[in-house]
Amino acid sequence: MVSAPILIGTSVSTTDKASRHADLRDIVRASHEEVEEMGSGVVALWHDQITPDMVKAKGIQVIEVVAANAHQAKAKLKAMTKGEKN
């Protein structure tokens, strides 16, 4: 079973870069656990300066989607993951 993907694109306000990345990973882990409990879904983070490296965590698939809006992001994610089985 493929774990629920993380859609990249928010940031946590803090001045320390390492702390900001750790805080983002904590948010991703907590959100991922909620999505896993539901059985399907996607955790979405949206910010113009976020990168996959900021949120990667063990056991969590990160997919970067660059899009102008949520509808475009959803369509791109669907196309990128077409054929994958959850």
Protein backbone atom coordinates (compact mmCIF):
# COMPACT_ATOMS: atom_id res chain seq x y z
CA MET A 1 0.00 0.00 0.00
CA VAL A 2 1.36 3.43 -0.94
CA SER A 3 1.03 5.96 1.84
CA ALA A 4 -1.02 9.08 1.21
CA PRO A 5 1.01 11.58 -0.80
CA ILE A 6 2.00 15.00 0.41
CA LEU A 7 1.15 17.80 -1.99
CA ILE A 8 3.74 20.53 -1.72
CA GLY A 9 3.07 24.04 -1.98
CA THR A 10 2.68 26.48 3.81
CA SER A 11 5.34 27.57 5.99
CA VAL A 12 5.73 28.04 9.71
CA SER A 13 6.91 31.48 10.82
CA THR A 14 10.20 31.31 12.67
CA THR A 15 13.60 32.86 12.14
CA ASP A 16 15.60 29.64 12.59
CA LYS A 17 15.64 27.67 9.31
CA ALA A 18 16.35 24.29 10.95
CA SER A 19 13.59 24.84 13.48
CA ARG A 20 11.18 25.89 10.73
CA HIS A 21 11.89 22.69 8.80
CA ALA A 22 11.45 20.57 11.94
CA ASP A 23 8.15 22.33 12.69
CA LEU A 24 6.96 21.70 9.13
CA ARG A 25 7.85 18.01 9.41
CA ASP A 26 5.88 17.81 12.68
CA ILE A 27 2.86 19.33 10.93
CA VAL A 28 3.27 16.89 8.04
CA ARG A 29 3.55 13.87 10.37
CA ALA A 30 0.43 14.88 12.34
CA SER A 31 -1.55 15.63 9.17
CA HIS A 32 -0.35 12.42 7.52
CA GLU A 33 -1.54 10.37 10.52
CA GLU A 34 -4.99 11.96 10.20
CA VAL A 35 -5.16 11.18 6.48
CA GLU A 36 -4.04 7.60 7.06
CA GLU A 37 -6.84 7.18 9.64
CA MET A 38 -9.39 8.27 7.00
CA GLY A 39 -8.15 5.70 4.52
CA SER A 40 -7.66 8.11 1.66
CA GLY A 41 -6.80 11.73 1.09
CA VAL A 42 -3.92 14.06 0.54
CA VAL A 43 -2.09 16.41 2.88
CA ALA A 44 -1.53 19.68 1.04
CA LEU A 45 0.98 22.38 1.93
CA TRP A 46 0.97 25.45 -0.27
CA HIS A 47 3.66 28.15 -0.24
CA ASP A 48 5.91 29.60 -2.89
CA GLN A 49 9.10 28.94 -0.89
CA ILE A 50 8.50 25.43 0.43
CA THR A 51 10.56 22.54 -0.94
CA PRO A 52 10.23 18.75 -0.62
CA ASP A 53 13.38 18.61 1.54
CA MET A 54 11.67 20.81 4.14
CA VAL A 55 8.95 18.24 4.81
CA LYS A 56 10.39 14.82 3.93
CA ALA A 57 9.93 12.32 6.71
CA LYS A 58 10.41 8.57 6.99
CA GLY A 59 7.46 6.62 5.62
CA ILE A 60 5.84 9.62 3.93
CA GLN A 61 5.73 10.03 0.17
CA VAL A 62 6.33 13.64 -0.93
CA ILE A 63 5.17 14.78 -4.34
CA GLU A 64 5.97 18.29 -5.51
CA VAL A 65 3.27 19.87 -7.66
CA VAL A 66 3.75 23.31 -9.16
CA ALA A 67 0.41 24.89 -10.02
CA ALA A 68 -1.31 28.27 -10.20
CA ASN A 69 -4.33 27.19 -8.14
CA ALA A 70 -5.85 24.28 -6.22
CA HIS A 71 -7.85 22.97 -9.19
CA GLN A 72 -4.74 22.84 -11.36
CA ALA A 73 -2.77 21.19 -8.55
CA LYS A 74 -5.42 18.51 -8.09
CA ALA A 75 -5.45 17.76 -11.82
CA LYS A 76 -1.65 17.60 -11.97
CA LEU A 77 -1.47 15.34 -8.91
CA LYS A 78 -4.06 13.03 -10.43
CA ALA A 79 -2.07 12.83 -13.68
CA MET A 80 1.22 12.28 -11.81
CA THR A 81 -0.17 9.44 -9.70
CA LYS A 82 -2.33 7.79 -12.37
CA GLY A 83 -1.82 4.06 -12.26
CA GLU A 84 -0.54 3.97 -8.67
CA LYS A 85 -2.46 1.68 -6.35
CA ASN A 86 -3.17 2.80 -2.79
